[in-house]
mmCIF file of all heavy atoms, coordinates in Angstrom:
data_MODEL
# 
_entry.id   MODEL 
# 
loop_
_atom_site.group_PDB 
_atom_site.id 
_atom_site.type_symbol 
_atom_site.label_atom_id 
_atom_site.label_alt_id 
_atom_site.label_comp_id 
_atom_site.label_asym_id 
_atom_site.label_entity_id 
_atom_site.label_seq_id 
_atom_site.pdbx_PDB_ins_code 
_atom_site.Cartn_x 
_atom_site.Cartn_y 
_atom_site.Cartn_z 
_atom_site.occupancy 
_atom_site.B_iso_or_equiv 
_atom_site.pdbx_formal_charge 
_atom_site.auth_seq_id 
_atom_site.auth_comp_id 
_atom_site.auth_asym_id 
_atom_site.auth_atom_id 
_atom_site.pdbx_PDB_model_num 
ATOM 1   N N   . ALA A 1 1  ? 4.864  29.970 3.673   1.00 0.00 ? 1  ALA A N   1 
ATOM 2   C CA  . ALA A 1 1  ? 5.576  30.175 2.450   1.00 0.00 ? 1  ALA A CA  1 
ATOM 3   C C   . ALA A 1 1  ? 4.903  31.195 1.530   1.00 0.00 ? 1  ALA A C   1 
ATOM 4   O O   . ALA A 1 1  ? 5.400  31.542 0.463   1.00 0.00 ? 1  ALA A O   1 
ATOM 5   C CB  . ALA A 1 1  ? 5.780  28.906 1.728   1.00 0.00 ? 1  ALA A CB  1 
ATOM 6   N N   . GLY A 1 2  ? 3.712  31.618 1.940   1.00 0.00 ? 2  GLY A N   1 
ATOM 7   C CA  . GLY A 1 2  ? 2.933  32.639 1.128   1.00 0.00 ? 2  GLY A CA  1 
ATOM 8   C C   . GLY A 1 2  ? 2.002  31.946 0.101   1.00 0.00 ? 2  GLY A C   1 
ATOM 9   O O   . GLY A 1 2  ? 1.565  32.668 -0.860  1.00 0.00 ? 2  GLY A O   1 
ATOM 10  N N   . TYR A 1 3  ? 1.698  30.658 0.257   1.00 0.00 ? 3  TYR A N   1 
ATOM 11  C CA  . TYR A 1 3  ? 0.913  29.993 -0.738  1.00 0.00 ? 3  TYR A CA  1 
ATOM 12  C C   . TYR A 1 3  ? -0.345 29.395 -0.083  1.00 0.00 ? 3  TYR A C   1 
ATOM 13  O O   . TYR A 1 3  ? -0.791 28.353 -0.462  1.00 0.00 ? 3  TYR A O   1 
ATOM 14  C CB  . TYR A 1 3  ? 1.688  28.849 -1.415  1.00 0.00 ? 3  TYR A CB  1 
ATOM 15  C CG  . TYR A 1 3  ? 2.913  29.307 -2.172  1.00 0.00 ? 3  TYR A CG  1 
ATOM 16  C CD1 . TYR A 1 3  ? 4.213  28.968 -1.817  1.00 0.00 ? 3  TYR A CD1 1 
ATOM 17  C CD2 . TYR A 1 3  ? 2.713  30.094 -3.298  1.00 0.00 ? 3  TYR A CD2 1 
ATOM 18  C CE1 . TYR A 1 3  ? 5.259  29.349 -2.543  1.00 0.00 ? 3  TYR A CE1 1 
ATOM 19  C CE2 . TYR A 1 3  ? 3.855  30.541 -4.051  1.00 0.00 ? 3  TYR A CE2 1 
ATOM 20  C CZ  . TYR A 1 3  ? 5.115  30.174 -3.642  1.00 0.00 ? 3  TYR A CZ  1 
ATOM 21  O OH  . TYR A 1 3  ? 6.179  30.612 -4.375  1.00 0.00 ? 3  TYR A OH  1 
ATOM 22  N N   . ASP A 1 4  ? -0.986 30.185 0.836   1.00 0.00 ? 4  ASP A N   1 
ATOM 23  C CA  . ASP A 1 4  ? -2.157 29.638 1.446   1.00 0.00 ? 4  ASP A CA  1 
ATOM 24  C C   . ASP A 1 4  ? -3.337 29.554 0.526   1.00 0.00 ? 4  ASP A C   1 
ATOM 25  O O   . ASP A 1 4  ? -4.330 28.849 0.775   1.00 0.00 ? 4  ASP A O   1 
ATOM 26  C CB  . ASP A 1 4  ? -2.559 30.569 2.622   1.00 0.00 ? 4  ASP A CB  1 
ATOM 27  C CG  . ASP A 1 4  ? -2.546 32.011 2.267   1.00 0.00 ? 4  ASP A CG  1 
ATOM 28  O OD1 . ASP A 1 4  ? -1.608 32.525 1.676   1.00 0.00 ? 4  ASP A OD1 1 
ATOM 29  O OD2 . ASP A 1 4  ? -3.585 32.655 2.556   1.00 0.00 ? 4  ASP A OD2 1 
ATOM 30  N N   . LYS A 1 5  ? -3.227 30.248 -0.614  1.00 0.00 ? 5  LYS A N   1 
ATOM 31  C CA  . LYS A 1 5  ? -4.305 30.154 -1.700  1.00 0.00 ? 5  LYS A CA  1 
ATOM 32  C C   . LYS A 1 5  ? -4.047 29.016 -2.620  1.00 0.00 ? 5  LYS A C   1 
ATOM 33  O O   . LYS A 1 5  ? -4.883 28.752 -3.538  1.00 0.00 ? 5  LYS A O   1 
ATOM 34  C CB  . LYS A 1 5  ? -4.447 31.447 -2.362  1.00 0.00 ? 5  LYS A CB  1 
ATOM 35  C CG  . LYS A 1 5  ? -4.894 32.608 -1.516  1.00 0.00 ? 5  LYS A CG  1 
ATOM 36  C CD  . LYS A 1 5  ? -5.120 33.856 -2.330  1.00 0.00 ? 5  LYS A CD  1 
ATOM 37  C CE  . LYS A 1 5  ? -5.669 35.015 -1.446  1.00 0.00 ? 5  LYS A CE  1 
ATOM 38  N NZ  . LYS A 1 5  ? -5.845 36.259 -2.218  1.00 0.00 ? 5  LYS A NZ  1 
ATOM 39  N N   . GLY A 1 6  ? -2.931 28.347 -2.449  1.00 0.00 ? 6  GLY A N   1 
ATOM 40  C CA  . GLY A 1 6  ? -2.634 27.196 -3.303  1.00 0.00 ? 6  GLY A CA  1 
ATOM 41  C C   . GLY A 1 6  ? -2.047 27.535 -4.599  1.00 0.00 ? 6  GLY A C   1 
ATOM 42  O O   . GLY A 1 6  ? -1.812 28.684 -4.974  1.00 0.00 ? 6  GLY A O   1 
ATOM 43  N N   . PHE A 1 7  ? -1.778 26.458 -5.406  1.00 0.00 ? 7  PHE A N   1 
ATOM 44  C CA  . PHE A 1 7  ? -1.267 26.613 -6.730  1.00 0.00 ? 7  PHE A CA  1 
ATOM 45  C C   . PHE A 1 7  ? -1.379 25.247 -7.457  1.00 0.00 ? 7  PHE A C   1 
ATOM 46  O O   . PHE A 1 7  ? -1.956 24.301 -6.896  1.00 0.00 ? 7  PHE A O   1 
ATOM 47  C CB  . PHE A 1 7  ? 0.272  26.972 -6.726  1.00 0.00 ? 7  PHE A CB  1 
ATOM 48  C CG  . PHE A 1 7  ? 1.102  26.136 -5.783  1.00 0.00 ? 7  PHE A CG  1 
ATOM 49  C CD1 . PHE A 1 7  ? 1.609  24.921 -6.253  1.00 0.00 ? 7  PHE A CD1 1 
ATOM 50  C CD2 . PHE A 1 7  ? 1.311  26.486 -4.468  1.00 0.00 ? 7  PHE A CD2 1 
ATOM 51  C CE1 . PHE A 1 7  ? 2.418  24.158 -5.421  1.00 0.00 ? 7  PHE A CE1 1 
ATOM 52  C CE2 . PHE A 1 7  ? 2.070  25.745 -3.617  1.00 0.00 ? 7  PHE A CE2 1 
ATOM 53  C CZ  . PHE A 1 7  ? 2.644  24.552 -4.124  1.00 0.00 ? 7  PHE A CZ  1 
ATOM 54  N N   . SER A 1 8  ? -0.900 25.139 -8.651  1.00 0.00 ? 8  SER A N   1 
ATOM 55  C CA  . SER A 1 8  ? -1.022 23.938 -9.461  1.00 0.00 ? 8  SER A CA  1 
ATOM 56  C C   . SER A 1 8  ? 0.287  23.322 -9.763  1.00 0.00 ? 8  SER A C   1 
ATOM 57  O O   . SER A 1 8  ? 1.297  23.970 -9.963  1.00 0.00 ? 8  SER A O   1 
ATOM 58  C CB  . SER A 1 8  ? -1.777 24.181 -10.763 1.00 0.00 ? 8  SER A CB  1 
ATOM 59  O OG  . SER A 1 8  ? -3.112 24.655 -10.576 1.00 0.00 ? 8  SER A OG  1 
ATOM 60  N N   . LEU A 1 9  ? 0.343  21.945 -9.748  1.00 0.00 ? 9  LEU A N   1 
ATOM 61  C CA  . LEU A 1 9  ? 1.573  21.221 -10.079 1.00 0.00 ? 9  LEU A CA  1 
ATOM 62  C C   . LEU A 1 9  ? 1.232  20.000 -10.923 1.00 0.00 ? 9  LEU A C   1 
ATOM 63  O O   . LEU A 1 9  ? 0.074  19.455 -10.872 1.00 0.00 ? 9  LEU A O   1 
ATOM 64  C CB  . LEU A 1 9  ? 2.246  20.703 -8.828  1.00 0.00 ? 9  LEU A CB  1 
ATOM 65  C CG  . LEU A 1 9  ? 3.114  21.635 -7.993  1.00 0.00 ? 9  LEU A CG  1 
ATOM 66  C CD1 . LEU A 1 9  ? 3.586  20.993 -6.709  1.00 0.00 ? 9  LEU A CD1 1 
ATOM 67  C CD2 . LEU A 1 9  ? 4.341  22.101 -8.862  1.00 0.00 ? 9  LEU A CD2 1 
ATOM 68  N N   . SER A 1 10 ? 2.130  19.545 -11.742 1.00 0.00 ? 10 SER A N   1 
ATOM 69  C CA  . SER A 1 10 ? 2.006  18.324 -12.507 1.00 0.00 ? 10 SER A CA  1 
ATOM 70  C C   . SER A 1 10 ? 2.653  17.155 -11.769 1.00 0.00 ? 10 SER A C   1 
ATOM 71  O O   . SER A 1 10 ? 3.566  17.365 -10.965 1.00 0.00 ? 10 SER A O   1 
ATOM 72  C CB  . SER A 1 10 ? 2.622  18.443 -13.880 1.00 0.00 ? 10 SER A CB  1 
ATOM 73  O OG  . SER A 1 10 ? 4.000  18.659 -13.789 1.00 0.00 ? 10 SER A OG  1 
ATOM 74  N N   . LEU A 1 11 ? 2.180  15.975 -11.990 1.00 0.00 ? 11 LEU A N   1 
ATOM 75  C CA  . LEU A 1 11 ? 2.798  14.787 -11.389 1.00 0.00 ? 11 LEU A CA  1 
ATOM 76  C C   . LEU A 1 11 ? 2.875  13.728 -12.463 1.00 0.00 ? 11 LEU A C   1 
ATOM 77  O O   . LEU A 1 11 ? 1.848  13.256 -12.919 1.00 0.00 ? 11 LEU A O   1 
ATOM 78  C CB  . LEU A 1 11 ? 1.894  14.248 -10.199 1.00 0.00 ? 11 LEU A CB  1 
ATOM 79  C CG  . LEU A 1 11 ? 2.279  12.920 -9.572  1.00 0.00 ? 11 LEU A CG  1 
ATOM 80  C CD1 . LEU A 1 11 ? 3.721  12.960 -9.026  1.00 0.00 ? 11 LEU A CD1 1 
ATOM 81  C CD2 . LEU A 1 11 ? 1.315  12.519 -8.502  1.00 0.00 ? 11 LEU A CD2 1 
ATOM 82  N N   . MET A 1 12 ? 4.106  13.367 -12.831 1.00 0.00 ? 12 MET A N   1 
ATOM 83  C CA  . MET A 1 12 ? 4.306  12.439 -13.902 1.00 0.00 ? 12 MET A CA  1 
ATOM 84  C C   . MET A 1 12 ? 4.308  10.936 -13.358 1.00 0.00 ? 12 MET A C   1 
ATOM 85  O O   . MET A 1 12 ? 4.805  10.662 -12.330 1.00 0.00 ? 12 MET A O   1 
ATOM 86  C CB  . MET A 1 12 ? 5.709  12.642 -14.568 1.00 0.00 ? 12 MET A CB  1 
ATOM 87  C CG  . MET A 1 12 ? 5.831  13.897 -15.335 1.00 0.00 ? 12 MET A CG  1 
ATOM 88  S SD  . MET A 1 12 ? 7.194  13.844 -16.524 1.00 0.00 ? 12 MET A SD  1 
ATOM 89  C CE  . MET A 1 12 ? 8.570  13.439 -15.452 1.00 0.00 ? 12 MET A CE  1 
ATOM 90  N N   . ILE A 1 13 ? 3.633  10.084 -14.176 1.00 0.00 ? 13 ILE A N   1 
ATOM 91  C CA  . ILE A 1 13 ? 3.651  8.647  -13.947 1.00 0.00 ? 13 ILE A CA  1 
ATOM 92  C C   . ILE A 1 13 ? 3.882  7.990  -15.288 1.00 0.00 ? 13 ILE A C   1 
ATOM 93  O O   . ILE A 1 13 ? 3.915  8.644  -16.311 1.00 0.00 ? 13 ILE A O   1 
ATOM 94  C CB  . ILE A 1 13 ? 2.344  8.107  -13.364 1.00 0.00 ? 13 ILE A CB  1 
ATOM 95  C CG1 . ILE A 1 13 ? 1.096  8.443  -14.326 1.00 0.00 ? 13 ILE A CG1 1 
ATOM 96  C CG2 . ILE A 1 13 ? 2.056  8.769  -11.955 1.00 0.00 ? 13 ILE A CG2 1 
ATOM 97  C CD1 . ILE A 1 13 ? -0.164 7.782  -13.866 1.00 0.00 ? 13 ILE A CD1 1 
ATOM 98  N N   . SER A 1 14 ? 4.097  6.680  -15.251 1.00 0.00 ? 14 SER A N   1 
ATOM 99  C CA  . SER A 1 14 ? 4.199  5.866  -16.453 1.00 0.00 ? 14 SER A CA  1 
ATOM 100 C C   . SER A 1 14 ? 3.422  4.567  -16.232 1.00 0.00 ? 14 SER A C   1 
ATOM 101 O O   . SER A 1 14 ? 3.457  3.988  -15.119 1.00 0.00 ? 14 SER A O   1 
ATOM 102 C CB  . SER A 1 14 ? 5.603  5.541  -16.826 1.00 0.00 ? 14 SER A CB  1 
ATOM 103 O OG  . SER A 1 14 ? 5.694  4.645  -17.899 1.00 0.00 ? 14 SER A OG  1 
ATOM 104 N N   . PRO A 1 15 ? 2.695  4.127  -17.233 1.00 0.00 ? 15 PRO A N   1 
ATOM 105 C CA  . PRO A 1 15 ? 1.963  2.860  -17.145 1.00 0.00 ? 15 PRO A CA  1 
ATOM 106 C C   . PRO A 1 15 ? 2.941  1.678  -17.005 1.00 0.00 ? 15 PRO A C   1 
ATOM 107 O O   . PRO A 1 15 ? 2.422  0.533  -16.617 1.00 0.00 ? 15 PRO A O   1 
ATOM 108 C CB  . PRO A 1 15 ? 1.169  2.776  -18.441 1.00 0.00 ? 15 PRO A CB  1 
ATOM 109 C CG  . PRO A 1 15 ? 1.904  3.645  -19.417 1.00 0.00 ? 15 PRO A CG  1 
ATOM 110 C CD  . PRO A 1 15 ? 2.458  4.732  -18.574 1.00 0.00 ? 15 PRO A CD  1 
ATOM 111 N N   . THR A 1 16 ? 4.174  1.816  -17.174 1.00 0.00 ? 16 THR A N   1 
ATOM 112 C CA  . THR A 1 16 ? 5.159  0.783  -16.984 1.00 0.00 ? 16 THR A CA  1 
ATOM 113 C C   . THR A 1 16 ? 5.111  0.200  -15.559 1.00 0.00 ? 16 THR A C   1 
ATOM 114 O O   . THR A 1 16 ? 5.312  -0.985 -15.380 1.00 0.00 ? 16 THR A O   1 
ATOM 115 C CB  . THR A 1 16 ? 6.575  1.268  -17.324 1.00 0.00 ? 16 THR A CB  1 
ATOM 116 O OG1 . THR A 1 16 ? 6.648  1.716  -18.637 1.00 0.00 ? 16 THR A OG1 1 
ATOM 117 C CG2 . THR A 1 16 ? 7.614  0.213  -17.100 1.00 0.00 ? 16 THR A CG2 1 
ATOM 118 N N   . ILE A 1 17 ? 4.833  1.132  -14.606 1.00 0.00 ? 17 ILE A N   1 
ATOM 119 C CA  . ILE A 1 17 ? 4.716  0.650  -13.222 1.00 0.00 ? 17 ILE A CA  1 
ATOM 120 C C   . ILE A 1 17 ? 3.277  0.911  -12.794 1.00 0.00 ? 17 ILE A C   1 
ATOM 121 O O   . ILE A 1 17 ? 2.862  2.046  -12.457 1.00 0.00 ? 17 ILE A O   1 
ATOM 122 C CB  . ILE A 1 17 ? 5.750  1.406  -12.315 1.00 0.00 ? 17 ILE A CB  1 
ATOM 123 C CG1 . ILE A 1 17 ? 7.168  1.087  -12.795 1.00 0.00 ? 17 ILE A CG1 1 
ATOM 124 C CG2 . ILE A 1 17 ? 5.551  0.978  -10.848 1.00 0.00 ? 17 ILE A CG2 1 
ATOM 125 C CD1 . ILE A 1 17 ? 8.229  1.708  -11.901 1.00 0.00 ? 17 ILE A CD1 1 
ATOM 126 N N   . PRO A 1 18 ? 2.437  -0.096 -12.939 1.00 0.00 ? 18 PRO A N   1 
ATOM 127 C CA  . PRO A 1 18 ? 0.982  0.110  -12.718 1.00 0.00 ? 18 PRO A CA  1 
ATOM 128 C C   . PRO A 1 18 ? 0.573  0.625  -11.312 1.00 0.00 ? 18 PRO A C   1 
ATOM 129 O O   . PRO A 1 18 ? -0.432 1.238  -11.185 1.00 0.00 ? 18 PRO A O   1 
ATOM 130 C CB  . PRO A 1 18 ? 0.412  -1.311 -12.994 1.00 0.00 ? 18 PRO A CB  1 
ATOM 131 C CG  . PRO A 1 18 ? 1.533  -2.276 -12.818 1.00 0.00 ? 18 PRO A CG  1 
ATOM 132 C CD  . PRO A 1 18 ? 2.754  -1.493 -13.243 1.00 0.00 ? 18 PRO A CD  1 
ATOM 133 N N   . GLU A 1 19 ? 1.391  0.358  -10.287 1.00 0.00 ? 19 GLU A N   1 
ATOM 134 C CA  . GLU A 1 19 ? 1.122  0.839  -8.949  1.00 0.00 ? 19 GLU A CA  1 
ATOM 135 C C   . GLU A 1 19 ? 1.079  2.404  -8.899  1.00 0.00 ? 19 GLU A C   1 
ATOM 136 O O   . GLU A 1 19 ? 0.488  2.966  -7.950  1.00 0.00 ? 19 GLU A O   1 
ATOM 137 C CB  . GLU A 1 19 ? 2.086  0.328  -7.911  1.00 0.00 ? 19 GLU A CB  1 
ATOM 138 C CG  . GLU A 1 19 ? 1.914  -1.181 -7.638  1.00 0.00 ? 19 GLU A CG  1 
ATOM 139 C CD  . GLU A 1 19 ? 2.743  -2.054 -8.622  1.00 0.00 ? 19 GLU A CD  1 
ATOM 140 O OE1 . GLU A 1 19 ? 3.382  -1.473 -9.563  1.00 0.00 ? 19 GLU A OE1 1 
ATOM 141 O OE2 . GLU A 1 19 ? 2.747  -3.249 -8.482  1.00 0.00 ? 19 GLU A OE2 1 
ATOM 142 N N   . TRP A 1 20 ? 1.763  3.030  -9.800  1.00 0.00 ? 20 TRP A N   1 
ATOM 143 C CA  . TRP A 1 20 ? 1.881  4.511  -9.733  1.00 0.00 ? 20 TRP A CA  1 
ATOM 144 C C   . TRP A 1 20 ? 0.615  5.182  -9.912  1.00 0.00 ? 20 TRP A C   1 
ATOM 145 O O   . TRP A 1 20 ? 0.354  6.218  -9.242  1.00 0.00 ? 20 TRP A O   1 
ATOM 146 C CB  . TRP A 1 20 ? 2.909  4.986  -10.730 1.00 0.00 ? 20 TRP A CB  1 
ATOM 147 C CG  . TRP A 1 20 ? 4.332  4.701  -10.353 1.00 0.00 ? 20 TRP A CG  1 
ATOM 148 C CD1 . TRP A 1 20 ? 4.773  4.144  -9.204  1.00 0.00 ? 20 TRP A CD1 1 
ATOM 149 C CD2 . TRP A 1 20 ? 5.553  5.036  -11.042 1.00 0.00 ? 20 TRP A CD2 1 
ATOM 150 N NE1 . TRP A 1 20 ? 6.139  4.061  -9.161  1.00 0.00 ? 20 TRP A NE1 1 
ATOM 151 C CE2 . TRP A 1 20 ? 6.631  4.641  -10.307 1.00 0.00 ? 20 TRP A CE2 1 
ATOM 152 C CE3 . TRP A 1 20 ? 5.690  5.650  -12.267 1.00 0.00 ? 20 TRP A CE3 1 
ATOM 153 C CZ2 . TRP A 1 20 ? 7.930  4.811  -10.751 1.00 0.00 ? 20 TRP A CZ2 1 
ATOM 154 C CZ3 . TRP A 1 20 ? 7.082  5.810  -12.777 1.00 0.00 ? 20 TRP A CZ3 1 
ATOM 155 C CH2 . TRP A 1 20 ? 8.170  5.359  -11.998 1.00 0.00 ? 20 TRP A CH2 1 
ATOM 156 N N   . ARG A 1 21 ? -0.260 4.774  -10.811 1.00 0.00 ? 21 ARG A N   1 
ATOM 157 C CA  . ARG A 1 21 ? -1.510 5.490  -11.012 1.00 0.00 ? 21 ARG A CA  1 
ATOM 158 C C   . ARG A 1 21 ? -2.362 5.588  -9.753  1.00 0.00 ? 21 ARG A C   1 
ATOM 159 O O   . ARG A 1 21 ? -2.845 6.628  -9.371  1.00 0.00 ? 21 ARG A O   1 
ATOM 160 C CB  . ARG A 1 21 ? -2.309 4.897  -12.204 1.00 0.00 ? 21 ARG A CB  1 
ATOM 161 C CG  . ARG A 1 21 ? -3.655 5.577  -12.413 1.00 0.00 ? 21 ARG A CG  1 
ATOM 162 C CD  . ARG A 1 21 ? -4.287 5.319  -13.745 1.00 0.00 ? 21 ARG A CD  1 
ATOM 163 N NE  . ARG A 1 21 ? -3.651 6.008  -14.806 1.00 0.00 ? 21 ARG A NE  1 
ATOM 164 C CZ  . ARG A 1 21 ? -3.783 7.303  -15.105 1.00 0.00 ? 21 ARG A CZ  1 
ATOM 165 N NH1 . ARG A 1 21 ? -4.612 7.982  -14.410 1.00 0.00 ? 21 ARG A NH1 1 
ATOM 166 N NH2 . ARG A 1 21 ? -3.143 7.806  -16.142 1.00 0.00 ? 21 ARG A NH2 1 
ATOM 167 N N   . PRO A 1 22 ? -2.706 4.454  -9.115  1.00 0.00 ? 22 PRO A N   1 
ATOM 168 C CA  . PRO A 1 22 ? -3.531 4.593  -7.902  1.00 0.00 ? 22 PRO A CA  1 
ATOM 169 C C   . PRO A 1 22 ? -2.825 5.371  -6.826  1.00 0.00 ? 22 PRO A C   1 
ATOM 170 O O   . PRO A 1 22 ? -3.556 6.188  -6.124  1.00 0.00 ? 22 PRO A O   1 
ATOM 171 C CB  . PRO A 1 22 ? -3.762 3.163  -7.491  1.00 0.00 ? 22 PRO A CB  1 
ATOM 172 C CG  . PRO A 1 22 ? -2.788 2.321  -8.182  1.00 0.00 ? 22 PRO A CG  1 
ATOM 173 C CD  . PRO A 1 22 ? -2.470 3.016  -9.490  1.00 0.00 ? 22 PRO A CD  1 
ATOM 174 N N   . MET A 1 23 ? -1.530 5.263  -6.719  1.00 0.00 ? 23 MET A N   1 
ATOM 175 C CA  . MET A 1 23 ? -0.845 6.099  -5.738  1.00 0.00 ? 23 MET A CA  1 
ATOM 176 C C   . MET A 1 23 ? -0.891 7.634  -6.121  1.00 0.00 ? 23 MET A C   1 
ATOM 177 O O   . MET A 1 23 ? -1.102 8.474  -5.247  1.00 0.00 ? 23 MET A O   1 
ATOM 178 C CB  . MET A 1 23 ? 0.654  5.678  -5.596  1.00 0.00 ? 23 MET A CB  1 
ATOM 179 C CG  . MET A 1 23 ? 0.789  4.391  -4.842  1.00 0.00 ? 23 MET A CG  1 
ATOM 180 S SD  . MET A 1 23 ? 2.537  4.144  -4.253  1.00 0.00 ? 23 MET A SD  1 
ATOM 181 C CE  . MET A 1 23 ? 3.366  3.764  -5.794  1.00 0.00 ? 23 MET A CE  1 
ATOM 182 N N   . ALA A 1 24 ? -0.837 7.889  -7.414  1.00 0.00 ? 24 ALA A N   1 
ATOM 183 C CA  . ALA A 1 24 ? -0.907 9.280  -7.887  1.00 0.00 ? 24 ALA A CA  1 
ATOM 184 C C   . ALA A 1 24 ? -2.256 9.852  -7.561  1.00 0.00 ? 24 ALA A C   1 
ATOM 185 O O   . ALA A 1 24 ? -2.358 11.045 -7.166  1.00 0.00 ? 24 ALA A O   1 
ATOM 186 C CB  . ALA A 1 24 ? -0.668 9.318  -9.405  1.00 0.00 ? 24 ALA A CB  1 
ATOM 187 N N   . LEU A 1 25 ? -3.270 9.047  -7.682  1.00 0.00 ? 25 LEU A N   1 
ATOM 188 C CA  . LEU A 1 25 ? -4.673 9.558  -7.410  1.00 0.00 ? 25 LEU A CA  1 
ATOM 189 C C   . LEU A 1 25 ? -4.864 9.892  -5.961  1.00 0.00 ? 25 LEU A C   1 
ATOM 190 O O   . LEU A 1 25 ? -5.556 10.827 -5.550  1.00 0.00 ? 25 LEU A O   1 
ATOM 191 C CB  . LEU A 1 25 ? -5.717 8.562  -7.844  1.00 0.00 ? 25 LEU A CB  1 
ATOM 192 C CG  . LEU A 1 25 ? -5.729 8.300  -9.412  1.00 0.00 ? 25 LEU A CG  1 
ATOM 193 C CD1 . LEU A 1 25 ? -6.762 7.235  -9.775  1.00 0.00 ? 25 LEU A CD1 1 
ATOM 194 C CD2 . LEU A 1 25 ? -6.008 9.614  -10.126 1.00 0.00 ? 25 LEU A CD2 1 
ATOM 195 N N   . VAL A 1 26 ? -4.226 9.065  -5.084  1.00 0.00 ? 26 VAL A N   1 
ATOM 196 C CA  . VAL A 1 26 ? -4.259 9.346  -3.659  1.00 0.00 ? 26 VAL A CA  1 
ATOM 197 C C   . VAL A 1 26 ? -3.487 10.638 -3.340  1.00 0.00 ? 26 VAL A C   1 
ATOM 198 O O   . VAL A 1 26 ? -3.966 11.510 -2.622  1.00 0.00 ? 26 VAL A O   1 
ATOM 199 C CB  . VAL A 1 26 ? -3.639 8.164  -2.841  1.00 0.00 ? 26 VAL A CB  1 
ATOM 200 C CG1 . VAL A 1 26 ? -3.433 8.561  -1.374  1.00 0.00 ? 26 VAL A CG1 1 
ATOM 201 C CG2 . VAL A 1 26 ? -4.515 6.918  -2.957  1.00 0.00 ? 26 VAL A CG2 1 
# 
């Protein structure tokens, strides 16, 4: 795709669902 040097993205979570933070870190 032409992105072998990488790029940055955001990933939204909410503390309402506590499982999301540890999954987001993985």
